[in-house]
């Protein structure tokens, strides 16, 4: 699925099952909440915290998909073409950082 197809699919889902988009502020709050849920899983899976019994069933994929869904909702309702936005962002990063990371001693393998 392309990013554009994902945007169309989410839009169709919202119009079919979600009735309407939540407003932008609500979706921003939901996005923050979903990022926090992903952080919780990562802190337990890769960090020093242990899983609580109820958290053991939560997956990285599910949390990342929740974030992507809400981000796509925000893009759709604010008329952002995520494909174009990502391409523009990668171009910016390439021109700005083309040698920065390659020359960063902290990133060099030992």
PDB file of N, CA and C in Angstrom:
ATOM      1  N   UNK A   1       0.846  -1.174   0.000  1.00  0.00           N
ATOM      2  CA  UNK A   1       0.000   0.000   0.000  1.00  0.00           C
ATOM      3  C   UNK A   1       0.894   1.241   0.000  1.00  0.00           C
ATOM      4  N   UNK A   2       0.611   2.167  -0.877  1.00  0.00           N
ATOM      5  CA  UNK A   2       1.355   3.420  -0.888  1.00  0.00           C
ATOM      6  C   UNK A   2       0.831   4.333   0.217  1.00  0.00           C
ATOM      7  N   UNK A   3       1.554   5.398   0.481  1.00  0.00           N
ATOM      8  CA  UNK A   3       1.098   6.369   1.477  1.00  0.00           C
ATOM      9  C   UNK A   3      -0.220   6.991   1.019  1.00  0.00           C
ATOM     10  N   UNK A   4      -0.323   7.315  -0.259  1.00  0.00           N
ATOM     11  CA  UNK A   4      -1.555   7.904  -0.796  1.00  0.00           C
ATOM     12  C   UNK A   4      -2.720   6.934  -0.641  1.00  0.00           C
ATOM     13  N   UNK A   5      -2.483   5.665  -0.930  1.00  0.00           N
ATOM     14  CA  UNK A   5      -3.535   4.662  -0.752  1.00  0.00           C
ATOM     15  C   UNK A   5      -3.943   4.567   0.715  1.00  0.00           C
ATOM     16  N   UNK A   6      -2.966   4.662   1.605  1.00  0.00           N
ATOM     17  CA  UNK A   6      -3.273   4.629   3.037  1.00  0.00           C
ATOM     18  C   UNK A   6      -4.124   5.832   3.425  1.00  0.00           C
ATOM     19  N   UNK A   7      -3.779   7.001   2.909  1.00  0.00           N
ATOM     20  CA  UNK A   7      -4.581   8.190   3.210  1.00  0.00           C
ATOM     21  C   UNK A   7      -6.008   8.011   2.701  1.00  0.00           C
ATOM     22  N   UNK A   8      -6.167   7.458   1.508  1.00  0.00           N
ATOM     23  CA  UNK A   8      -7.506   7.231   0.961  1.00  0.00           C
ATOM     24  C   UNK A   8      -8.266   6.183   1.767  1.00  0.00           C
ATOM     25  N   UNK A   9      -7.582   5.129   2.170  1.00  0.00           N
ATOM     26  CA  UNK A   9      -8.219   4.049   2.920  1.00  0.00           C
ATOM     27  C   UNK A   9      -8.689   4.544   4.288  1.00  0.00           C
ATOM     28  N   UNK A  10      -7.851   5.337   4.962  1.00  0.00           N
ATOM     29  CA  UNK A  10      -8.241   5.892   6.262  1.00  0.00           C
ATOM     30  C   UNK A  10      -9.426   6.831   6.085  1.00  0.00           C
ATOM     31  N   UNK A  11      -9.397   7.662   5.060  1.00  0.00           N
ATOM     32  CA  UNK A  11     -10.506   8.583   4.802  1.00  0.00           C
ATOM     33  C   UNK A  11     -11.802   7.809   4.582  1.00  0.00           C
ATOM     34  N   UNK A  12     -11.727   6.751   3.805  1.00  0.00           N
ATOM     35  CA  UNK A  12     -12.902   5.917   3.554  1.00  0.00           C
ATOM     36  C   UNK A  12     -13.394   5.275   4.849  1.00  0.00           C
ATOM     37  N   UNK A  13     -12.468   4.787   5.671  1.00  0.00           N
ATOM     38  CA  UNK A  13     -12.840   4.170   6.935  1.00  0.00           C
ATOM     39  C   UNK A  13     -13.548   5.174   7.836  1.00  0.00           C
ATOM     40  N   UNK A  14     -12.978   6.369   7.940  1.00  0.00           N
ATOM     41  CA  UNK A  14     -13.583   7.409   8.784  1.00  0.00           C
ATOM     42  C   UNK A  14     -15.001   7.699   8.315  1.00  0.00           C
ATOM     43  N   UNK A  15     -15.186   7.859   7.018  1.00  0.00           N
ATOM     44  CA  UNK A  15     -16.504   8.207   6.473  1.00  0.00           C
ATOM     45  C   UNK A  15     -17.492   7.054   6.596  1.00  0.00           C
ATOM     46  N   UNK A  16     -17.000   5.817   6.636  1.00  0.00           N
ATOM     47  CA  UNK A  16     -17.877   4.647   6.731  1.00  0.00           C
ATOM     48  C   UNK A  16     -18.188   4.271   8.173  1.00  0.00           C
ATOM     49  N   UNK A  17     -17.156   4.247   9.022  1.00  0.00           N
ATOM     50  CA  UNK A  17     -17.315   3.754  10.386  1.00  0.00           C
ATOM     51  C   UNK A  17     -17.123   4.806  11.462  1.00  0.00           C
ATOM     52  N   UNK A  18     -16.366   5.820  11.170  1.00  0.00           N
ATOM     53  CA  UNK A  18     -16.027   6.801  12.198  1.00  0.00           C
ATOM     54  C   UNK A  18     -16.960   7.995  12.234  1.00  0.00           C
ATOM     55  N   UNK A  19     -17.892   8.068  11.339  1.00  0.00           N
ATOM     56  CA  UNK A  19     -18.871   9.150  11.192  1.00  0.00           C
ATOM     57  C   UNK A  19     -18.213  10.423  10.662  1.00  0.00           C
ATOM     58  N   UNK A  20     -17.196  10.895  11.356  1.00  0.00           N
ATOM     59  CA  UNK A  20     -16.456  12.089  10.939  1.00  0.00           C
ATOM     60  C   UNK A  20     -15.115  12.079  11.644  1.00  0.00           C
ATOM     61  N   UNK A  21     -14.201  12.930  11.166  1.00  0.00           N
ATOM     62  CA  UNK A  21     -12.915  13.085  11.854  1.00  0.00           C
ATOM     63  C   UNK A  21     -13.143  13.814  13.172  1.00  0.00           C
ATOM     64  N   UNK A  22     -12.393  13.413  14.202  1.00  0.00           N
ATOM     65  CA  UNK A  22     -12.331  14.246  15.395  1.00  0.00           C
ATOM     66  C   UNK A  22     -11.653  15.546  14.981  1.00  0.00           C
ATOM     67  N   UNK A  23     -11.869  16.616  15.730  1.00  0.00           N
ATOM     68  CA  UNK A  23     -11.209  17.861  15.331  1.00  0.00           C
ATOM     69  C   UNK A  23      -9.689  17.735  15.496  1.00  0.00           C
ATOM     70  N   UNK A  24      -8.990  18.661  14.898  1.00  0.00           N
ATOM     71  CA  UNK A  24      -7.527  18.593  14.845  1.00  0.00           C
ATOM     72  C   UNK A  24      -6.888  18.573  16.233  1.00  0.00           C
ATOM     73  N   UNK A  25      -7.435  19.342  17.142  1.00  0.00           N
ATOM     74  CA  UNK A  25      -6.868  19.378  18.495  1.00  0.00           C
ATOM     75  C   UNK A  25      -7.064  18.036  19.199  1.00  0.00           C
ATOM     76  N   UNK A  26      -8.231  17.447  19.041  1.00  0.00           N
ATOM     77  CA  UNK A  26      -8.474  16.129  19.621  1.00  0.00           C
ATOM     78  C   UNK A  26      -7.521  15.105  19.018  1.00  0.00           C
ATOM     79  N   UNK A  27      -7.366  15.134  17.692  1.00  0.00           N
ATOM     80  CA  UNK A  27      -6.460  14.175  17.055  1.00  0.00           C
ATOM     81  C   UNK A  27      -5.016  14.399  17.479  1.00  0.00           C
ATOM     82  N   UNK A  28      -4.623  15.635  17.712  1.00  0.00           N
ATOM     83  CA  UNK A  28      -3.261  15.889  18.189  1.00  0.00           C
ATOM     84  C   UNK A  28      -3.078  15.291  19.576  1.00  0.00           C
ATOM     85  N   UNK A  29      -4.090  15.431  20.422  1.00  0.00           N
ATOM     86  CA  UNK A  29      -4.027  14.835  21.763  1.00  0.00           C
ATOM     87  C   UNK A  29      -3.976  13.311  21.660  1.00  0.00           C
ATOM     88  N   UNK A  30      -4.769  12.742  20.747  1.00  0.00           N
ATOM     89  CA  UNK A  30      -4.755  11.285  20.558  1.00  0.00           C
ATOM     90  C   UNK A  30      -3.402  10.813  20.042  1.00  0.00           C
ATOM     91  N   UNK A  31      -2.792  11.590  19.135  1.00  0.00           N
ATOM     92  CA  UNK A  31      -1.471  11.234  18.622  1.00  0.00           C
ATOM     93  C   UNK A  31      -0.449  11.208  19.757  1.00  0.00           C
ATOM     94  N   UNK A  32      -0.504  12.208  20.612  1.00  0.00           N
ATOM     95  CA  UNK A  32       0.406  12.251  21.767  1.00  0.00           C
ATOM     96  C   UNK A  32       0.188  11.053  22.680  1.00  0.00           C
ATOM     97  N   UNK A  33      -1.062  10.686  22.884  1.00  0.00           N
ATOM     98  CA  UNK A  33      -1.387   9.530  23.711  1.00  0.00           C
ATOM     99  C   UNK A  33      -0.830   8.248  23.102  1.00  0.00           C
ATOM    100  N   UNK A  34      -1.000   8.096  21.791  1.00  0.00           N
ATOM    101  CA  UNK A  34      -0.510   6.891  21.112  1.00  0.00           C
ATOM    102  C   UNK A  34       1.020   6.809  21.153  1.00  0.00           C
ATOM    103  N   UNK A  35       1.699   7.942  20.999  1.00  0.00           N
ATOM    104  CA  UNK A  35       3.164   7.955  21.089  1.00  0.00           C
ATOM    105  C   UNK A  35       3.593   7.546  22.496  1.00  0.00           C
ATOM    106  N   UNK A  36       2.865   7.994  23.498  1.00  0.00           N
ATOM    107  CA  UNK A  36       3.157   7.590  24.870  1.00  0.00           C
ATOM    108  C   UNK A  36       3.000   6.090  25.072  1.00  0.00           C
ATOM    109  N   UNK A  37       1.984   5.507  24.430  1.00  0.00           N
ATOM    110  CA  UNK A  37       1.791   4.060  24.537  1.00  0.00           C
ATOM    111  C   UNK A  37       2.934   3.297  23.876  1.00  0.00           C
ATOM    112  N   UNK A  38       3.418   3.805  22.746  1.00  0.00           N
ATOM    113  CA  UNK A  38       4.577   3.177  22.095  1.00  0.00           C
ATOM    114  C   UNK A  38       5.808   3.312  22.991  1.00  0.00           C
ATOM    115  N   UNK A  39       5.995   4.467  23.579  1.00  0.00           N
ATOM    116  CA  UNK A  39       7.137   4.683  24.474  1.00  0.00           C
ATOM    117  C   UNK A  39       7.092   3.711  25.647  1.00  0.00           C
ATOM    118  N   UNK A  40       5.900   3.449  26.144  1.00  0.00           N
ATOM    119  CA  UNK A  40       5.749   2.510  27.268  1.00  0.00           C
ATOM    120  C   UNK A  40       6.221   1.110  26.872  1.00  0.00           C
ATOM    121  N   UNK A  41       5.813   0.659  25.684  1.00  0.00           N
ATOM    122  CA  UNK A  41       6.215  -0.665  25.219  1.00  0.00           C
ATOM    123  C   UNK A  41       7.725  -0.720  24.999  1.00  0.00           C
ATOM    124  N   UNK A  42       8.288   0.300  24.370  1.00  0.00           N
ATOM    125  CA  UNK A  42       9.729   0.314  24.097  1.00  0.00           C
ATOM    126  C   UNK A  42      10.526   0.363  25.401  1.00  0.00           C
ATOM    127  N   UNK A  43      10.048   1.137  26.379  1.00  0.00           N
ATOM    128  CA  UNK A  43      10.746   1.217  27.668  1.00  0.00           C
ATOM    129  C   UNK A  43      10.797  -0.142  28.355  1.00  0.00           C
ATOM    130  N   UNK A  44       9.768  -0.938  28.125  1.00  0.00           N
ATOM    131  CA  UNK A  44       9.727  -2.249  28.761  1.00  0.00           C
ATOM    132  C   UNK A  44      10.459  -3.305  27.946  1.00  0.00           C
ATOM    133  N   UNK A  45      10.351  -3.216  26.632  1.00  0.00           N
ATOM    134  CA  UNK A  45      10.980  -4.225  25.775  1.00  0.00           C
ATOM    135  C   UNK A  45      12.494  -3.996  25.649  1.00  0.00           C
ATOM    136  N   UNK A  46      12.913  -2.746  25.502  1.00  0.00           N
ATOM    137  CA  UNK A  46      14.331  -2.439  25.268  1.00  0.00           C
ATOM    138  C   UNK A  46      14.987  -1.695  26.422  1.00  0.00           C
ATOM    139  N   UNK A  47      14.187  -1.172  27.315  1.00  0.00           N
ATOM    140  CA  UNK A  47      14.724  -0.417  28.439  1.00  0.00           C
ATOM    141  C   UNK A  47      14.811  -1.259  29.694  1.00  0.00           C
ATOM    142  N   UNK A  48      14.858  -0.592  30.801  1.00  0.00           N
ATOM    143  CA  UNK A  48      15.096  -1.262  32.068  1.00  0.00           C
ATOM    144  C   UNK A  48      13.829  -1.570  32.849  1.00  0.00           C
ATOM    145  N   UNK A  49      12.680  -1.096  32.347  1.00  0.00           N
ATOM    146  CA  UNK A  49      11.438  -1.394  33.046  1.00  0.00           C
ATOM    147  C   UNK A  49      10.942  -2.784  32.671  1.00  0.00           C
ATOM    148  N   UNK A  50      10.219  -3.393  33.582  1.00  0.00           N
ATOM    149  CA  UNK A  50       9.654  -4.719  33.299  1.00  0.00           C
ATOM    150  C   UNK A  50       8.195  -4.567  32.887  1.00  0.00           C
ATOM    151  N   UNK A  51       7.715  -5.560  32.154  1.00  0.00           N
ATOM    152  CA  UNK A  51       6.329  -5.568  31.720  1.00  0.00           C
ATOM    153  C   UNK A  51       5.412  -5.870  32.893  1.00  0.00           C
ATOM    154  N   UNK A  52       4.304  -5.137  32.952  1.00  0.00           N
ATOM    155  CA  UNK A  52       3.222  -5.525  33.852  1.00  0.00           C
ATOM    156  C   UNK A  52       2.447  -6.600  33.116  1.00  0.00           C
ATOM    157  N   UNK A  53       1.758  -7.424  33.837  1.00  0.00           N
ATOM    158  CA  UNK A  53       1.036  -8.539  33.218  1.00  0.00           C
ATOM    159  C   UNK A  53       0.111  -8.053  32.099  1.00  0.00           C
ATOM    160  N   UNK A  54      -0.594  -6.937  32.322  1.00  0.00           N
ATOM    161  CA  UNK A  54      -1.543  -6.442  31.322  1.00  0.00           C
ATOM    162  C   UNK A  54      -0.844  -5.879  30.076  1.00  0.00           C
ATOM    163  N   UNK A  55       0.435  -5.531  30.185  1.00  0.00           N
ATOM    164  CA  UNK A  55       1.174  -4.939  29.062  1.00  0.00           C
ATOM    165  C   UNK A  55       1.810  -5.983  28.148  1.00  0.00           C
ATOM    166  N   UNK A  56       1.848  -7.230  28.578  1.00  0.00           N
ATOM    167  CA  UNK A  56       2.567  -8.259  27.819  1.00  0.00           C
ATOM    168  C   UNK A  56       1.942  -8.538  26.461  1.00  0.00           C
ATOM    169  N   UNK A  57       0.672  -8.255  26.290  1.00  0.00           N
ATOM    170  CA  UNK A  57      -0.009  -8.535  25.026  1.00  0.00           C
ATOM    171  C   UNK A  57       0.087  -7.381  24.031  1.00  0.00           C
ATOM    172  N   UNK A  58       0.557  -6.228  24.478  1.00  0.00           N
ATOM    173  CA  UNK A  58       0.642  -5.049  23.608  1.00  0.00           C
ATOM    174  C   UNK A  58       1.869  -5.189  22.710  1.00  0.00           C
ATOM    175  N   UNK A  59       1.698  -4.922  21.421  1.00  0.00           N
ATOM    176  CA  UNK A  59       2.801  -5.109  20.481  1.00  0.00           C
ATOM    177  C   UNK A  59       3.276  -3.778  19.904  1.00  0.00           C
ATOM    178  N   UNK A  60       4.536  -3.776  19.505  1.00  0.00           N
ATOM    179  CA  UNK A  60       5.089  -2.592  18.829  1.00  0.00           C
ATOM    180  C   UNK A  60       4.305  -2.283  17.565  1.00  0.00           C
ATOM    181  N   UNK A  61       3.987  -3.333  16.789  1.00  0.00           N
ATOM    182  CA  UNK A  61       3.267  -3.118  15.533  1.00  0.00           C
ATOM    183  C   UNK A  61       1.935  -2.425  15.761  1.00  0.00           C
ATOM    184  N   UNK A  62       1.206  -2.882  16.762  1.00  0.00           N
ATOM    185  CA  UNK A  62      -0.106  -2.306  17.051  1.00  0.00           C
ATOM    186  C   UNK A  62       0.024  -0.832  17.436  1.00  0.00           C
ATOM    187  N   UNK A  63       0.989  -0.534  18.281  1.00  0.00           N
ATOM    188  CA  UNK A  63       1.153   0.852  18.727  1.00  0.00           C
ATOM    189  C   UNK A  63       1.624   1.751  17.580  1.00  0.00           C
ATOM    190  N   UNK A  64       2.544   1.246  16.751  1.00  0.00           N
ATOM    191  CA  UNK A  64       2.995   2.043  15.606  1.00  0.00           C
ATOM    192  C   UNK A  64       1.856   2.264  14.614  1.00  0.00           C
ATOM    193  N   UNK A  65       1.024   1.251  14.413  1.00  0.00           N
ATOM    194  CA  UNK A  65      -0.113   1.396  13.505  1.00  0.00           C
ATOM    195  C   UNK A  65      -1.120   2.409  14.046  1.00  0.00           C
ATOM    196  N   UNK A  66      -1.322   2.423  15.358  1.00  0.00           N
ATOM    197  CA  UNK A  66      -2.215   3.421  15.959  1.00  0.00           C
ATOM    198  C   UNK A  66      -1.695   4.833  15.694  1.00  0.00           C
ATOM    199  N   UNK A  67      -0.390   5.022  15.835  1.00  0.00           N
ATOM    200  CA  UNK A  67       0.225   6.329  15.581  1.00  0.00           C
ATOM    201  C   UNK A  67       0.049   6.716  14.119  1.00  0.00           C
ATOM    202  N   UNK A  68       0.329   5.777  13.230  1.00  0.00           N
ATOM    203  CA  UNK A  68       0.204   6.045  11.798  1.00  0.00           C
ATOM    204  C   UNK A  68      -1.228   6.412  11.427  1.00  0.00           C
ATOM    205  N   UNK A  69      -2.198   5.699  11.984  1.00  0.00           N
ATOM    206  CA  UNK A  69      -3.604   5.976  11.706  1.00  0.00           C
ATOM    207  C   UNK A  69      -3.961   7.409  12.095  1.00  0.00           C
ATOM    208  N   UNK A  70      -3.607   7.817  13.299  1.00  0.00           N
ATOM    209  CA  UNK A  70      -3.961   9.161  13.763  1.00  0.00           C
ATOM    210  C   UNK A  70      -3.188  10.219  12.973  1.00  0.00           C
ATOM    211  N   UNK A  71      -1.927   9.950  12.643  1.00  0.00           N
ATOM    212  CA  UNK A  71      -1.155  10.888  11.833  1.00  0.00           C
ATOM    213  C   UNK A  71      -1.803  11.066  10.463  1.00  0.00           C
ATOM    214  N   UNK A  72      -2.253   9.966   9.875  1.00  0.00           N
ATOM    215  CA  UNK A  72      -2.932  10.045   8.578  1.00  0.00           C
ATOM    216  C   UNK A  72      -4.236  10.827   8.710  1.00  0.00           C
ATOM    217  N   UNK A  73      -4.959  10.623   9.792  1.00  0.00           N
ATOM    218  CA  UNK A  73      -6.171  11.414  10.019  1.00  0.00           C
ATOM    219  C   UNK A  73      -5.853  12.906  10.031  1.00  0.00           C
ATOM    220  N   UNK A  74      -4.816  13.282  10.769  1.00  0.00           N
ATOM    221  CA  UNK A  74      -4.418  14.692  10.824  1.00  0.00           C
ATOM    222  C   UNK A  74      -4.016  15.218   9.447  1.00  0.00           C
ATOM    223  N   UNK A  75      -3.281  14.414   8.702  1.00  0.00           N
ATOM    224  CA  UNK A  75      -2.878  14.825   7.354  1.00  0.00           C
ATOM    225  C   UNK A  75      -4.099  15.017   6.471  1.00  0.00           C
ATOM    226  N   UNK A  76      -5.018  14.082   6.516  1.00  0.00           N
ATOM    227  CA  UNK A  76      -6.213  14.181   5.680  1.00  0.00           C
ATOM    228  C   UNK A  76      -7.031  15.419   6.007  1.00  0.00           C
ATOM    229  N   UNK A  77      -7.235  15.683   7.258  1.00  0.00           N
ATOM    230  CA  UNK A  77      -8.103  16.796   7.615  1.00  0.00           C
ATOM    231  C   UNK A  77      -7.428  18.150   7.465  1.00  0.00           C
ATOM    232  N   UNK A  78      -6.113  18.161   7.321  1.00  0.00           N
ATOM    233  CA  UNK A  78      -5.398  19.431   7.102  1.00  0.00           C
ATOM    234  C   UNK A  78      -4.856  19.529   5.675  1.00  0.00           C
ATOM    235  N   UNK A  79      -5.311  18.616   4.816  1.00  0.00           N
ATOM    236  CA  UNK A  79      -4.944  18.615   3.396  1.00  0.00           C
ATOM    237  C   UNK A  79      -3.446  18.502   3.145  1.00  0.00           C
ATOM    238  N   UNK A  80      -2.789  17.653   3.907  1.00  0.00           N
ATOM    239  CA  UNK A  80      -1.365  17.387   3.710  1.00  0.00           C
ATOM    240  C   UNK A  80      -1.222  16.094   2.926  1.00  0.00           C
ATOM    241  N   UNK A  81      -0.529  16.159   1.812  1.00  0.00           N
ATOM    242  CA  UNK A  81      -0.192  14.971   1.032  1.00  0.00           C
ATOM    243  C   UNK A  81       1.080  14.401   1.655  1.00  0.00           C
ATOM    244  N   UNK A  82       0.947  13.310   2.385  1.00  0.00           N
ATOM    245  CA  UNK A  82       2.092  12.765   3.114  1.00  0.00           C
ATOM    246  C   UNK A  82       3.196  12.259   2.203  1.00  0.00           C
ATOM    247  N   UNK A  83       2.854  11.810   1.008  1.00  0.00           N
ATOM    248  CA  UNK A  83       3.888  11.380   0.061  1.00  0.00           C
ATOM    249  C   UNK A  83       4.773  12.561  -0.304  1.00  0.00           C
ATOM    250  N   UNK A  84       4.151  13.661  -0.694  1.00  0.00           N
ATOM    251  CA  UNK A  84       4.922  14.861  -1.049  1.00  0.00           C
ATOM    252  C   UNK A  84       5.682  15.400   0.157  1.00  0.00           C
ATOM    253  N   UNK A  85       5.042  15.376   1.307  1.00  0.00           N
ATOM    254  CA  UNK A  85       5.694  15.889   2.517  1.00  0.00           C
ATOM    255  C   UNK A  85       6.926  15.064   2.870  1.00  0.00           C
ATOM    256  N   UNK A  86       6.817  13.739   2.763  1.00  0.00           N
ATOM    257  CA  UNK A  86       7.957  12.879   3.073  1.00  0.00           C
ATOM    258  C   UNK A  86       9.077  13.053   2.049  1.00  0.00           C
ATOM    259  N   UNK A  87       8.713  13.136   0.780  1.00  0.00           N
ATOM    260  CA  UNK A  87       9.736  13.358  -0.259  1.00  0.00           C
ATOM    261  C   UNK A  87      10.471  14.672  -0.022  1.00  0.00           C
ATOM    262  N   UNK A  88       9.731  15.715   0.300  1.00  0.00           N
ATOM    263  CA  UNK A  88      10.337  17.026   0.571  1.00  0.00           C
ATOM    264  C   UNK A  88      11.244  16.953   1.799  1.00  0.00           C
ATOM    265  N   UNK A  89      10.796  16.226   2.823  1.00  0.00           N
ATOM    266  CA  UNK A  89      11.578  16.095   4.040  1.00  0.00           C
ATOM    267  C   UNK A  89      12.869  15.331   3.791  1.00  0.00           C
ATOM    268  N   UNK A  90      12.789  14.253   3.005  1.00  0.00           N
ATOM    269  CA  UNK A  90      13.998  13.481   2.686  1.00  0.00           C
ATOM    270  C   UNK A  90      14.983  14.313   1.863  1.00  0.00           C
ATOM    271  N   UNK A  91      14.471  15.110   0.928  1.00  0.00           N
ATOM    272  CA  UNK A  91      15.342  16.005   0.155  1.00  0.00           C
ATOM    273  C   UNK A  91      16.052  16.991   1.078  1.00  0.00           C
ATOM    274  N   UNK A  92      15.308  17.562   2.025  1.00  0.00           N
ATOM    275  CA  UNK A  92      15.888  18.516   2.975  1.00  0.00           C
ATOM    276  C   UNK A  92      16.972  17.843   3.807  1.00  0.00           C
ATOM    277  N   UNK A  93      16.664  16.666   4.327  1.00  0.00           N
ATOM    278  CA  UNK A  93      17.635  15.963   5.160  1.00  0.00           C
ATOM    279  C   UNK A  93      18.877  15.571   4.357  1.00  0.00           C
ATOM    280  N   UNK A  94      18.687  15.176   3.108  1.00  0.00           N
ATOM    281  CA  UNK A  94      19.814  14.787   2.269  1.00  0.00           C
ATOM    282  C   UNK A  94      20.733  15.968   2.009  1.00  0.00           C
ATOM    283  N   UNK A  95      20.150  17.112   1.670  1.00  0.00           N
ATOM    284  CA  UNK A  95      21.003  18.275   1.385  1.00  0.00           C
ATOM    285  C   UNK A  95      21.656  18.816   2.652  1.00  0.00           C
ATOM    286  N   UNK A  96      20.962  18.758   3.750  1.00  0.00           N
ATOM    287  CA  UNK A  96      21.486  19.289   5.004  1.00  0.00           C
ATOM    288  C   UNK A  96      22.469  18.345   5.670  1.00  0.00           C
ATOM    289  N   UNK A  97      22.194  17.045   5.580  1.00  0.00           N
ATOM    290  CA  UNK A  97      22.951  16.073   6.371  1.00  0.00           C
ATOM    291  C   UNK A  97      23.757  15.094   5.524  1.00  0.00           C
ATOM    292  N   UNK A  98      24.032  15.432   4.268  1.00  0.00           N
ATOM    293  CA  UNK A  98      24.669  14.467   3.373  1.00  0.00           C
ATOM    294  C   UNK A  98      25.997  13.940   3.901  1.00  0.00           C
ATOM    295  N   UNK A  99      26.721  14.730   4.652  1.00  0.00           N
ATOM    296  CA  UNK A  99      27.989  14.226   5.194  1.00  0.00           C
ATOM    297  C   UNK A  99      28.053  14.320   6.721  1.00  0.00           C
ATOM    298  N   UNK A 100      27.102  14.982   7.304  1.00  0.00           N
ATOM    299  CA  UNK A 100      27.131  15.192   8.756  1.00  0.00           C
ATOM    300  C   UNK A 100      27.210  13.880   9.530  1.00  0.00           C
ATOM    301  N   UNK A 101      26.360  12.921   9.215  1.00  0.00           N
ATOM    302  CA  UNK A 101      26.351  11.664   9.966  1.00  0.00           C
ATOM    303  C   UNK A 101      27.538  10.781   9.602  1.00  0.00           C
ATOM    304  N   UNK A 102      27.949  10.837   8.340  1.00  0.00           N
ATOM    305  CA  UNK A 102      29.114  10.054   7.913  1.00  0.00           C
ATOM    306  C   UNK A 102      30.382  10.493   8.632  1.00  0.00           C
ATOM    307  N   UNK A 103      30.443  11.770   8.983  1.00  0.00           N
ATOM    308  CA  UNK A 103      31.624  12.316   9.648  1.00  0.00           C
ATOM    309  C   UNK A 103      31.486  12.379  11.167  1.00  0.00           C
ATOM    310  N   UNK A 104      30.434  11.797  11.700  1.00  0.00           N
ATOM    311  CA  UNK A 104      30.201  11.831  13.137  1.00  0.00           C
ATOM    312  C   UNK A 104      30.904  10.633  13.780  1.00  0.00           C
ATOM    313  N   UNK A 105      31.943  10.915  14.530  1.00  0.00           N
ATOM    314  CA  UNK A 105      32.717   9.848  15.176  1.00  0.00           C
ATOM    315  C   UNK A 105      31.869   9.011  16.138  1.00  0.00           C
ATOM    316  N   UNK A 106      30.839   9.598  16.697  1.00  0.00           N
ATOM    317  CA  UNK A 106      29.976   8.867  17.622  1.00  0.00           C
ATOM    318  C   UNK A 106      29.187   7.772  16.913  1.00  0.00           C
ATOM    319  N   UNK A 107      29.018   7.895  15.603  1.00  0.00           N
ATOM    320  CA  UNK A 107      28.235   6.909  14.857  1.00  0.00           C
ATOM    321  C   UNK A 107      29.083   5.844  14.189  1.00  0.00           C
ATOM    322  N   UNK A 108      30.382   6.036  14.184  1.00  0.00           N
ATOM    323  CA  UNK A 108      31.273   5.074  13.529  1.00  0.00           C
ATOM    324  C   UNK A 108      31.323   3.780  14.312  1.00  0.00           C
ATOM    325  N   UNK A 109      31.320   2.684  13.581  1.00  0.00           N
ATOM    326  CA  UNK A 109      31.384   1.369  14.219  1.00  0.00           C
ATOM    327  C   UNK A 109      32.765   1.125  14.778  1.00  0.00           C
ATOM    328  N   UNK A 110      32.776   0.421  15.859  1.00  0.00           N
ATOM    329  CA  UNK A 110      34.071   0.109  16.494  1.00  0.00           C
ATOM    330  C   UNK A 110      34.603  -1.183  15.975  1.00  0.00           C
TER     331      UNK A 110
END
